[in-house]
Amino acid sequence: QQQGREITEAESQLMYDEKTRIFHSMPEAPIMPGILSLMEQIHAAG
């Protein structure tokens, strides 16, 4: 969209690796409120 060129998945992966590095340098995101109680209900129902 911005540079008008096609890149390979391998090149895109290298760029994504930098995004991943930055993400993992940040504080760990909290568990979403409500998800554990929801999973418990689903799990209990088999």
All heavy atoms as atom14 arrays in JSON, in Angstrom:
{
  "sequence": "QQQGREITEAESQLMYDEKTRIFHSMPEAPIMPGILSLMEQIHAAG",
  "atom14_mask": [
    [1, 1, 1, 1, 1, 1, 1, 1, 1, 0, 0, 0, 0, 0],
    [1, 1, 1, 1, 1, 1, 1, 1, 1, 0, 0, 0, 0, 0],
    [1, 1, 1, 1, 1, 1, 1, 1, 1, 0, 0, 0, 0, 0],
    [1, 1, 1, 1, 0, 0, 0, 0, 0, 0, 0, 0, 0, 0],
    [1, 1, 1, 1, 1, 1, 1, 1, 1, 1, 1, 0, 0, 0],
    [1, 1, 1, 1, 1, 1, 1, 1, 1, 0, 0, 0, 0, 0],
    [1, 1, 1, 1, 1, 1, 1, 1, 0, 0, 0, 0, 0, 0],
    [1, 1, 1, 1, 1, 1, 1, 0, 0, 0, 0, 0, 0, 0],
    [1, 1, 1, 1, 1, 1, 1, 1, 1, 0, 0, 0, 0, 0],
    [1, 1, 1, 1, 1, 0, 0, 0, 0, 0, 0, 0, 0, 0],
    [1, 1, 1, 1, 1, 1, 1, 1, 1, 0, 0, 0, 0, 0],
    [1, 1, 1, 1, 1, 1, 0, 0, 0, 0, 0, 0, 0, 0],
    [1, 1, 1, 1, 1, 1, 1, 1, 1, 0, 0, 0, 0, 0],
    [1, 1, 1, 1, 1, 1, 1, 1, 0, 0, 0, 0, 0, 0],
    [1, 1, 1, 1, 1, 1, 1, 1, 0, 0, 0, 0, 0, 0],
    [1, 1, 1, 1, 1, 1, 1, 1, 1, 1, 1, 1, 0, 0],
    [1, 1, 1, 1, 1, 1, 1, 1, 0, 0, 0, 0, 0, 0],
    [1, 1, 1, 1, 1, 1, 1, 1, 1, 0, 0, 0, 0, 0],
    [1, 1, 1, 1, 1, 1, 1, 1, 1, 0, 0, 0, 0, 0],
    [1, 1, 1, 1, 1, 1, 1, 0, 0, 0, 0, 0, 0, 0],
    [1, 1, 1, 1, 1, 1, 1, 1, 1, 1, 1, 0, 0, 0],
    [1, 1, 1, 1, 1, 1, 1, 1, 0, 0, 0, 0, 0, 0],
    [1, 1, 1, 1, 1, 1, 1, 1, 1, 1, 1, 0, 0, 0],
    [1, 1, 1, 1, 1, 1, 1, 1, 1, 1, 0, 0, 0, 0],
    [1, 1, 1, 1, 1, 1, 0, 0, 0, 0, 0, 0, 0, 0],
    [1, 1, 1, 1, 1, 1, 1, 1, 0, 0, 0, 0, 0, 0],
    [1, 1, 1, 1, 1, 1, 1, 0, 0, 0, 0, 0, 0, 0],
    [1, 1, 1, 1, 1, 1, 1, 1, 1, 0, 0, 0, 0, 0],
    [1, 1, 1, 1, 1, 0, 0, 0, 0, 0, 0, 0, 0, 0],
    [1, 1, 1, 1, 1, 1, 1, 0, 0, 0, 0, 0, 0, 0],
    [1, 1, 1, 1, 1, 1, 1, 1, 0, 0, 0, 0, 0, 0],
    [1, 1, 1, 1, 1, 1, 1, 1, 0, 0, 0, 0, 0, 0],
    [1, 1, 1, 1, 1, 1, 1, 0, 0, 0, 0, 0, 0, 0],
    [1, 1, 1, 1, 0, 0, 0, 0, 0, 0, 0, 0, 0, 0],
    [1, 1, 1, 1, 1, 1, 1, 1, 0, 0, 0, 0, 0, 0],
    [1, 1, 1, 1, 1, 1, 1, 1, 0, 0, 0, 0, 0, 0],
    [1, 1, 1, 1, 1, 1, 0, 0, 0, 0, 0, 0, 0, 0],
    [1, 1, 1, 1, 1, 1, 1, 1, 0, 0, 0, 0, 0, 0],
    [1, 1, 1, 1, 1, 1, 1, 1, 0, 0, 0, 0, 0, 0],
    [1, 1, 1, 1, 1, 1, 1, 1, 1, 0, 0, 0, 0, 0],
    [1, 1, 1, 1, 1, 1, 1, 1, 1, 0, 0, 0, 0, 0],
    [1, 1, 1, 1, 1, 1, 1, 1, 0, 0, 0, 0, 0, 0],
    [1, 1, 1, 1, 1, 1, 1, 1, 1, 1, 0, 0, 0, 0],
    [1, 1, 1, 1, 1, 0, 0, 0, 0, 0, 0, 0, 0, 0],
    [1, 1, 1, 1, 1, 0, 0, 0, 0, 0, 0, 0, 0, 0],
    [1, 1, 1, 1, 0, 0, 0, 0, 0, 0, 0, 0, 0, 0]
  ],
  "atom14_positions": [
    [[0.81, -1.21, 0.0], [0.0, 0.0, 0.0], [0.85, 1.27, 0.0], [0.53, 2.24, -0.68], [-0.92, 0.01, 1.23], [-2.06, -0.99, 1.17], [-3.07, -0.67, 0.07], [-3.13, -1.36, -0.94], [-3.84, 0.37, 0.27], [0.0, 0.0, 0.0], [0.0, 0.0, 0.0], [0.0, 0.0, 0.0], [0.0, 0.0, 0.0], [0.0, 0.0, 0.0]],
    [[1.93, 1.27, 0.76], [2.69, 2.5, 0.95], [3.93, 2.62, 0.06], [4.36, 3.73, -0.25], [3.11, 2.64, 2.42], [1.92, 2.81, 3.35], [2.31, 3.18, 4.76], [3.4, 3.69, 5.01], [1.42, 2.93, 5.71], [0.0, 0.0, 0.0], [0.0, 0.0, 0.0], [0.0, 0.0, 0.0], [0.0, 0.0, 0.0], [0.0, 0.0, 0.0]],
    [[4.5, 1.48, -0.32], [5.72, 1.52, -1.12], [5.54, 0.95, -2.52], [6.46, 0.99, -3.34], [6.85, 0.79, -0.39], [7.2, 1.43, 0.96], [8.34, 0.74, 1.68], [8.81, -0.33, 1.26], [8.79, 1.33, 2.77], [0.0, 0.0, 0.0], [0.0, 0.0, 0.0], [0.0, 0.0, 0.0], [0.0, 0.0, 0.0], [0.0, 0.0, 0.0]],
    [[4.37, 0.39, -2.78], [4.06, -0.1, -4.11], [4.89, -1.27, -4.57], [5.09, -1.46, -5.77], [0.0, 0.0, 0.0], [0.0, 0.0, 0.0], [0.0, 0.0, 0.0], [0.0, 0.0, 0.0], [0.0, 0.0, 0.0], [0.0, 0.0, 0.0], [0.0, 0.0, 0.0], [0.0, 0.0, 0.0], [0.0, 0.0, 0.0], [0.0, 0.0, 0.0]],
    [[5.37, -2.07, -3.64], [6.2, -3.21, -4.03], [5.76, -4.47, -3.28], [5.2, -4.4, -2.2], [7.69, -2.93, -3.76], [8.04, -2.72, -2.3], [9.48, -2.24, -2.12], [9.82, -2.12, -0.7], [10.46, -3.07, -0.01], [10.82, -4.21, -0.6], [10.75, -2.88, 1.27], [0.0, 0.0, 0.0], [0.0, 0.0, 0.0], [0.0, 0.0, 0.0]],
    [[6.02, -5.57, -3.93], [5.74, -6.87, -3.33], [6.99, -7.35, -2.6], [8.1, -7.23, -3.12], [5.36, -7.9, -4.4], [4.11, -7.54, -5.2], [2.82, -7.85, -4.46], [2.9, -8.42, -3.35], [1.75, -7.52, -4.99], [0.0, 0.0, 0.0], [0.0, 0.0, 0.0], [0.0, 0.0, 0.0], [0.0, 0.0, 0.0], [0.0, 0.0, 0.0]],
    [[6.83, -7.86, -1.4], [7.97, -8.44, -0.7], [7.66, -9.91, -0.4], [6.5, -10.32, -0.34], [8.29, -7.69, 0.61], [7.12, -7.76, 1.6], [8.68, -6.25, 0.32], [7.46, -7.19, 2.98], [0.0, 0.0, 0.0], [0.0, 0.0, 0.0], [0.0, 0.0, 0.0], [0.0, 0.0, 0.0], [0.0, 0.0, 0.0], [0.0, 0.0, 0.0]],
    [[8.7, -10.68, -0.23], [8.53, -12.09, 0.04], [8.11, -12.3, 1.49], [8.26, -11.41, 2.35], [9.83, -12.86, -0.2], [10.81, -12.41, 0.76], [10.35, -12.63, -1.61], [0.0, 0.0, 0.0], [0.0, 0.0, 0.0], [0.0, 0.0, 0.0], [0.0, 0.0, 0.0], [0.0, 0.0, 0.0], [0.0, 0.0, 0.0], [0.0, 0.0, 0.0]],
    [[7.59, -13.47, 1.77], [7.23, -13.78, 3.15], [8.46, -13.79, 4.03], [8.4, -13.42, 5.21], [6.5, -15.13, 3.21], [5.95, -15.44, 4.58], [4.83, -16.45, 4.58], [4.08, -16.54, 3.59], [4.68, -17.15, 5.59], [0.0, 0.0, 0.0], [0.0, 0.0, 0.0], [0.0, 0.0, 0.0], [0.0, 0.0, 0.0], [0.0, 0.0, 0.0]],
    [[9.61, -14.2, 3.47], [10.85, -14.23, 4.25], [11.26, -12.82, 4.66], [11.66, -12.58, 5.82], [11.96, -14.89, 3.44], [0.0, 0.0, 0.0], [0.0, 0.0, 0.0], [0.0, 0.0, 0.0], [0.0, 0.0, 0.0], [0.0, 0.0, 0.0], [0.0, 0.0, 0.0], [0.0, 0.0, 0.0], [0.0, 0.0, 0.0], [0.0, 0.0, 0.0]],
    [[11.17, -11.86, 3.74], [11.5, -10.47, 4.07], [10.51, -9.92, 5.09], [10.9, -9.21, 6.04], [11.5, -9.6, 2.82], [11.91, -8.16, 3.07], [11.91, -7.31, 1.81], [11.74, -7.87, 0.7], [12.08, -6.08, 1.94], [0.0, 0.0, 0.0], [0.0, 0.0, 0.0], [0.0, 0.0, 0.0], [0.0, 0.0, 0.0], [0.0, 0.0, 0.0]],
    [[9.24, -10.25, 4.9], [8.22, -9.81, 5.84], [8.47, -10.39, 7.23], [8.28, -9.72, 8.25], [6.83, -10.22, 5.34], [5.83, -9.82, 6.22], [0.0, 0.0, 0.0], [0.0, 0.0, 0.0], [0.0, 0.0, 0.0], [0.0, 0.0, 0.0], [0.0, 0.0, 0.0], [0.0, 0.0, 0.0], [0.0, 0.0, 0.0], [0.0, 0.0, 0.0]],
    [[8.94, -11.63, 7.29], [9.23, -12.27, 8.58], [10.33, -11.54, 9.32], [10.27, -11.38, 10.55], [9.61, -13.73, 8.36], [9.86, -14.51, 9.65], [8.62, -14.64, 10.52], [7.59, -15.12, 10.05], [8.71, -14.22, 11.78], [0.0, 0.0, 0.0], [0.0, 0.0, 0.0], [0.0, 0.0, 0.0], [0.0, 0.0, 0.0], [0.0, 0.0, 0.0]],
    [[11.35, -11.07, 8.59], [12.43, -10.32, 9.23], [11.9, -9.04, 9.87], [12.3, -8.65, 10.97], [13.53, -9.99, 8.21], [14.37, -11.16, 7.72], [15.32, -10.71, 6.61], [15.16, -11.78, 8.87], [0.0, 0.0, 0.0], [0.0, 0.0, 0.0], [0.0, 0.0, 0.0], [0.0, 0.0, 0.0], [0.0, 0.0, 0.0], [0.0, 0.0, 0.0]],
    [[10.97, -8.37, 9.19], [10.36, -7.16, 9.74], [9.47, -7.51, 10.93], [9.45, -6.79, 11.95], [9.56, -6.45, 8.65], [10.41, -5.97, 7.48], [9.44, -5.43, 6.04], [8.69, -3.92, 6.67], [0.0, 0.0, 0.0], [0.0, 0.0, 0.0], [0.0, 0.0, 0.0], [0.0, 0.0, 0.0], [0.0, 0.0, 0.0], [0.0, 0.0, 0.0]],
    [[8.77, -8.62, 10.83], [7.91, -9.05, 11.93], [8.72, -9.43, 13.16], [8.27, -9.22, 14.29], [7.05, -10.23, 11.47], [6.02, -10.67, 12.49], [5.03, -9.8, 12.94], [6.02, -11.97, 12.98], [4.09, -10.21, 13.86], [5.07, -12.39, 13.91], [4.12, -11.5, 14.35], [3.18, -11.91, 15.27], [0.0, 0.0, 0.0], [0.0, 0.0, 0.0]],
    [[9.91, -9.95, 12.94], [10.78, -10.3, 14.07], [11.11, -9.06, 14.9], [11.23, -9.15, 16.13], [12.08, -10.94, 13.56], [11.86, -12.35, 13.03], [10.79, -12.94, 13.3], [12.76, -12.86, 12.33], [0.0, 0.0, 0.0], [0.0, 0.0, 0.0], [0.0, 0.0, 0.0], [0.0, 0.0, 0.0], [0.0, 0.0, 0.0], [0.0, 0.0, 0.0]],
    [[11.27, -7.91, 14.24], [11.53, -6.67, 14.98], [10.29, -6.25, 15.77], [10.4, -5.81, 16.92], [11.94, -5.56, 14.01], [12.14, -4.18, 14.66], [13.23, -4.15, 15.72], [14.02, -5.11, 15.82], [13.3, -3.14, 16.45], [0.0, 0.0, 0.0], [0.0, 0.0, 0.0], [0.0, 0.0, 0.0], [0.0, 0.0, 0.0], [0.0, 0.0, 0.0]],
    [[9.13, -6.4, 15.18], [7.9, -6.1, 15.92], [7.79, -7.01, 17.14], [7.43, -6.56, 18.24], [6.68, -6.28, 14.99], [5.35, -5.93, 15.64], [4.65, -7.16, 16.2], [3.34, -6.79, 16.89], [2.64, -7.98, 17.41], [0.0, 0.0, 0.0], [0.0, 0.0, 0.0], [0.0, 0.0, 0.0], [0.0, 0.0, 0.0], [0.0, 0.0, 0.0]],
    [[8.12, -8.28, 16.98], [8.07, -9.24, 18.07], [9.04, -8.86, 19.18], [8.72, -8.94, 20.38], [8.38, -10.65, 17.55], [7.41, -11.01, 16.56], [8.37, -11.68, 18.67], [0.0, 0.0, 0.0], [0.0, 0.0, 0.0], [0.0, 0.0, 0.0], [0.0, 0.0, 0.0], [0.0, 0.0, 0.0], [0.0, 0.0, 0.0], [0.0, 0.0, 0.0]],
    [[10.24, -8.44, 18.79], [11.26, -8.05, 19.78], [10.75, -6.9, 20.64], [10.88, -6.92, 21.88], [12.56, -7.64, 19.07], [13.7, -7.31, 20.03], [14.84, -6.63, 19.32], [14.48, -5.28, 18.86], [14.42, -4.22, 19.66], [14.67, -4.33, 20.95], [14.09, -3.04, 19.17], [0.0, 0.0, 0.0], [0.0, 0.0, 0.0], [0.0, 0.0, 0.0]],
    [[10.17, -5.89, 20.01], [9.67, -4.74, 20.75], [8.51, -5.16, 21.67], [8.45, -4.76, 22.84], [9.22, -3.63, 19.79], [10.44, -3.07, 19.04], [8.49, -2.52, 20.53], [10.09, -2.07, 17.95], [0.0, 0.0, 0.0], [0.0, 0.0, 0.0], [0.0, 0.0, 0.0], [0.0, 0.0, 0.0], [0.0, 0.0, 0.0], [0.0, 0.0, 0.0]],
    [[7.62, -5.99, 21.15], [6.48, -6.44, 21.95], [6.94, -7.14, 23.22], [6.42, -6.89, 24.32], [5.58, -7.36, 21.13], [4.42, -7.92, 21.9], [3.27, -7.16, 22.12], [4.46, -9.21, 22.42], [2.19, -7.67, 22.84], [3.4, -9.73, 23.15], [2.26, -8.96, 23.35], [0.0, 0.0, 0.0], [0.0, 0.0, 0.0], [0.0, 0.0, 0.0]],
    [[7.93, -8.0, 23.1], [8.38, -8.78, 24.25], [9.28, -7.98, 25.19], [9.6, -8.47, 26.28], [9.07, -10.06, 23.79], [8.12, -11.09, 23.26], [7.19, -11.73, 24.05], [7.93, -11.58, 22.01], [6.48, -12.56, 23.31], [6.9, -12.49, 22.07], [0.0, 0.0, 0.0], [0.0, 0.0, 0.0], [0.0, 0.0, 0.0], [0.0, 0.0, 0.0]],
    [[9.65, -6.79, 24.79], [10.41, -5.91, 25.7], [9.47, -5.12, 26.61], [9.91, -4.46, 27.55], [11.27, -4.93, 24.9], [10.46, -3.93, 24.27], [0.0, 0.0, 0.0], [0.0, 0.0, 0.0], [0.0, 0.0, 0.0], [0.0, 0.0, 0.0], [0.0, 0.0, 0.0], [0.0, 0.0, 0.0], [0.0, 0.0, 0.0], [0.0, 0.0, 0.0]],
    [[8.18, -5.2, 26.36], [7.18, -4.46, 27.12], [6.64, -5.3, 28.27], [6.81, -6.52, 28.29], [6.05, -4.02, 26.17], [6.53, -3.2, 25.0], [5.25, -2.87, 23.77], [4.29, -1.66, 24.67], [0.0, 0.0, 0.0], [0.0, 0.0, 0.0], [0.0, 0.0, 0.0], [0.0, 0.0, 0.0], [0.0, 0.0, 0.0], [0.0, 0.0, 0.0]],
    [[6.01, -4.65, 29.26], [5.43, -5.41, 30.39], [4.41, -6.44, 29.89], [3.69, -6.21, 28.92], [4.75, -4.33, 31.22], [5.48, -3.07, 30.88], [5.85, -3.2, 29.43], [0.0, 0.0, 0.0], [0.0, 0.0, 0.0], [0.0, 0.0, 0.0], [0.0, 0.0, 0.0], [0.0, 0.0, 0.0], [0.0, 0.0, 0.0], [0.0, 0.0, 0.0]],
    [[4.34, -7.56, 30.58], [3.42, -8.63, 30.2], [1.98, -8.16, 30.33], [1.59, -7.58, 31.35], [3.66, -9.86, 31.08], [2.95, -11.11, 30.62], [3.37, -12.32, 31.43], [2.98, -12.41, 32.61], [4.08, -13.18, 30.89], [0.0, 0.0, 0.0], [0.0, 0.0, 0.0], [0.0, 0.0, 0.0], [0.0, 0.0, 0.0], [0.0, 0.0, 0.0]],
    [[1.19, -8.39, 29.29], [-0.22, -7.97, 29.29], [-1.02, -8.82, 30.28], [-0.78, -10.03, 30.4], [-0.81, -8.1, 27.9], [0.0, 0.0, 0.0], [0.0, 0.0, 0.0], [0.0, 0.0, 0.0], [0.0, 0.0, 0.0], [0.0, 0.0, 0.0], [0.0, 0.0, 0.0], [0.0, 0.0, 0.0], [0.0, 0.0, 0.0], [0.0, 0.0, 0.0]],
    [[-1.98, -8.23, 30.97], [-2.78, -8.99, 31.93], [-3.79, -9.91, 31.26], [-4.19, -9.69, 30.11], [-3.5, -7.9, 32.74], [-3.6, -6.74, 31.79], [-2.35, -6.8, 30.95], [0.0, 0.0, 0.0], [0.0, 0.0, 0.0], [0.0, 0.0, 0.0], [0.0, 0.0, 0.0], [0.0, 0.0, 0.0], [0.0, 0.0, 0.0], [0.0, 0.0, 0.0]],
    [[-4.18, -10.94, 31.97], [-5.28, -11.8, 31.52], [-6.56, -10.97, 31.46], [-6.83, -10.15, 32.33], [-5.45, -13.0, 32.47], [-4.21, -13.92, 32.39], [-6.71, -13.79, 32.15], [-4.22, -15.04, 33.39], [0.0, 0.0, 0.0], [0.0, 0.0, 0.0], [0.0, 0.0, 0.0], [0.0, 0.0, 0.0], [0.0, 0.0, 0.0], [0.0, 0.0, 0.0]],
    [[-7.34, -11.18, 30.43], [-8.57, -10.41, 30.25], [-9.57, -10.74, 31.36], [-9.86, -11.92, 31.6], [-9.19, -10.73, 28.88], [-10.37, -9.84, 28.52], [-9.93, -8.11, 28.29], [-9.07, -8.18, 26.7], [0.0, 0.0, 0.0], [0.0, 0.0, 0.0], [0.0, 0.0, 0.0], [0.0, 0.0, 0.0], [0.0, 0.0, 0.0], [0.0, 0.0, 0.0]],
    [[-10.09, -9.73, 32.06], [-11.09, -9.99, 33.11], [-12.3, -10.76, 32.55], [-12.83, -10.42, 31.5], [-11.51, -8.58, 33.56], [-10.32, -7.72, 33.22], [-9.76, -8.31, 31.95], [0.0, 0.0, 0.0], [0.0, 0.0, 0.0], [0.0, 0.0, 0.0], [0.0, 0.0, 0.0], [0.0, 0.0, 0.0], [0.0, 0.0, 0.0], [0.0, 0.0, 0.0]],
    [[-12.68, -11.81, 33.25], [-13.84, -12.59, 32.86], [-13.52, -13.85, 32.08], [-14.36, -14.77, 32.02], [0.0, 0.0, 0.0], [0.0, 0.0, 0.0], [0.0, 0.0, 0.0], [0.0, 0.0, 0.0], [0.0, 0.0, 0.0], [0.0, 0.0, 0.0], [0.0, 0.0, 0.0], [0.0, 0.0, 0.0], [0.0, 0.0, 0.0], [0.0, 0.0, 0.0]],
    [[-12.32, -13.95, 31.5], [-12.03, -15.09, 30.63], [-11.89, -16.39, 31.43], [-12.34, -17.46, 30.97], [-10.78, -14.84, 29.76], [-10.61, -15.94, 28.73], [-9.53, -14.7, 30.61], [-11.71, -16.06, 27.72], [0.0, 0.0, 0.0], [0.0, 0.0, 0.0], [0.0, 0.0, 0.0], [0.0, 0.0, 0.0], [0.0, 0.0, 0.0], [0.0, 0.0, 0.0]],
    [[-11.31, -16.33, 32.62], [-11.13, -17.56, 33.39], [-12.48, -18.11, 33.87], [-12.7, -19.33, 33.82], [-10.2, -17.3, 34.57], [-8.72, -17.14, 34.21], [-7.92, -16.68, 35.43], [-8.14, -18.45, 33.67], [0.0, 0.0, 0.0], [0.0, 0.0, 0.0], [0.0, 0.0, 0.0], [0.0, 0.0, 0.0], [0.0, 0.0, 0.0], [0.0, 0.0, 0.0]],
    [[-13.37, -17.24, 34.31], [-14.69, -17.71, 34.74], [-15.47, -18.29, 33.57], [-16.23, -19.27, 33.72], [-15.48, -16.58, 35.41], [-15.68, -15.49, 34.52], [0.0, 0.0, 0.0], [0.0, 0.0, 0.0], [0.0, 0.0, 0.0], [0.0, 0.0, 0.0], [0.0, 0.0, 0.0], [0.0, 0.0, 0.0], [0.0, 0.0, 0.0], [0.0, 0.0, 0.0]],
    [[-15.3, -17.7, 32.39], [-15.97, -18.22, 31.19], [-15.42, -19.59, 30.83], [-16.19, -20.54, 30.58], [-15.78, -17.25, 30.03], [-16.31, -17.71, 28.67], [-17.8, -18.02, 28.74], [-16.02, -16.64, 27.6], [0.0, 0.0, 0.0], [0.0, 0.0, 0.0], [0.0, 0.0, 0.0], [0.0, 0.0, 0.0], [0.0, 0.0, 0.0], [0.0, 0.0, 0.0]],
    [[-14.1, -19.73, 30.84], [-13.51, -21.03, 30.5], [-13.9, -22.1, 31.5], [-14.11, -23.26, 31.14], [-11.99, -20.91, 30.42], [-11.48, -20.28, 29.14], [-9.72, -20.62, 28.95], [-9.41, -19.84, 27.35], [0.0, 0.0, 0.0], [0.0, 0.0, 0.0], [0.0, 0.0, 0.0], [0.0, 0.0, 0.0], [0.0, 0.0, 0.0], [0.0, 0.0, 0.0]],
    [[-14.02, -21.72, 32.77], [-14.4, -22.69, 33.79], [-15.8, -23.25, 33.51], [-16.04, -24.46, 33.64], [-14.36, -22.05, 35.18], [-14.74, -22.99, 36.32], [-13.86, -24.22, 36.41], [-12.64, -24.12, 36.15], [-14.39, -25.3, 36.74], [0.0, 0.0, 0.0], [0.0, 0.0, 0.0], [0.0, 0.0, 0.0], [0.0, 0.0, 0.0], [0.0, 0.0, 0.0]],
    [[-16.72, -22.39, 33.1], [-18.08, -22.84, 32.76], [-18.06, -23.78, 31.55], [-18.75, -24.8, 31.54], [-18.96, -21.64, 32.44], [-19.23, -20.73, 33.61], [-20.1, -19.55, 33.2], [-21.31, -19.71, 32.98], [-19.5, -18.38, 33.08], [0.0, 0.0, 0.0], [0.0, 0.0, 0.0], [0.0, 0.0, 0.0], [0.0, 0.0, 0.0], [0.0, 0.0, 0.0]],
    [[-17.28, -23.42, 30.54], [-17.21, -24.23, 29.33], [-16.58, -25.59, 29.63], [-17.07, -26.64, 29.21], [-16.42, -23.48, 28.24], [-17.16, -22.2, 27.84], [-16.18, -24.37, 27.02], [-16.34, -21.27, 26.97], [0.0, 0.0, 0.0], [0.0, 0.0, 0.0], [0.0, 0.0, 0.0], [0.0, 0.0, 0.0], [0.0, 0.0, 0.0], [0.0, 0.0, 0.0]],
    [[-15.49, -25.56, 30.38], [-14.78, -26.79, 30.76], [-15.68, -27.7, 31.59], [-15.72, -28.93, 31.37], [-13.52, -26.41, 31.53], [-12.74, -27.58, 32.04], [-12.0, -28.41, 31.23], [-12.57, -28.05, 33.3], [-11.41, -29.34, 31.95], [-11.74, -29.15, 33.21], [0.0, 0.0, 0.0], [0.0, 0.0, 0.0], [0.0, 0.0, 0.0], [0.0, 0.0, 0.0]],
    [[-16.42, -27.12, 32.54], [-17.3, -27.91, 33.41], [-18.41, -28.59, 32.63], [-18.92, -29.64, 33.03], [-17.89, -27.01, 34.5], [0.0, 0.0, 0.0], [0.0, 0.0, 0.0], [0.0, 0.0, 0.0], [0.0, 0.0, 0.0], [0.0, 0.0, 0.0], [0.0, 0.0, 0.0], [0.0, 0.0, 0.0], [0.0, 0.0, 0.0], [0.0, 0.0, 0.0]],
    [[-18.78, -28.01, 31.48], [-19.82, -28.6, 30.64], [-19.27, -29.68, 29.71], [-20.03, -30.26, 28.92], [-20.49, -27.5, 29.82], [0.0, 0.0, 0.0], [0.0, 0.0, 0.0], [0.0, 0.0, 0.0], [0.0, 0.0, 0.0], [0.0, 0.0, 0.0], [0.0, 0.0, 0.0], [0.0, 0.0, 0.0], [0.0, 0.0, 0.0], [0.0, 0.0, 0.0]],
    [[-17.96, -29.95, 29.79], [-17.37, -30.99, 28.96], [-17.12, -30.57, 27.53], [-16.99, -31.41, 26.64], [0.0, 0.0, 0.0], [0.0, 0.0, 0.0], [0.0, 0.0, 0.0], [0.0, 0.0, 0.0], [0.0, 0.0, 0.0], [0.0, 0.0, 0.0], [0.0, 0.0, 0.0], [0.0, 0.0, 0.0], [0.0, 0.0, 0.0], [0.0, 0.0, 0.0]]
  ]
}
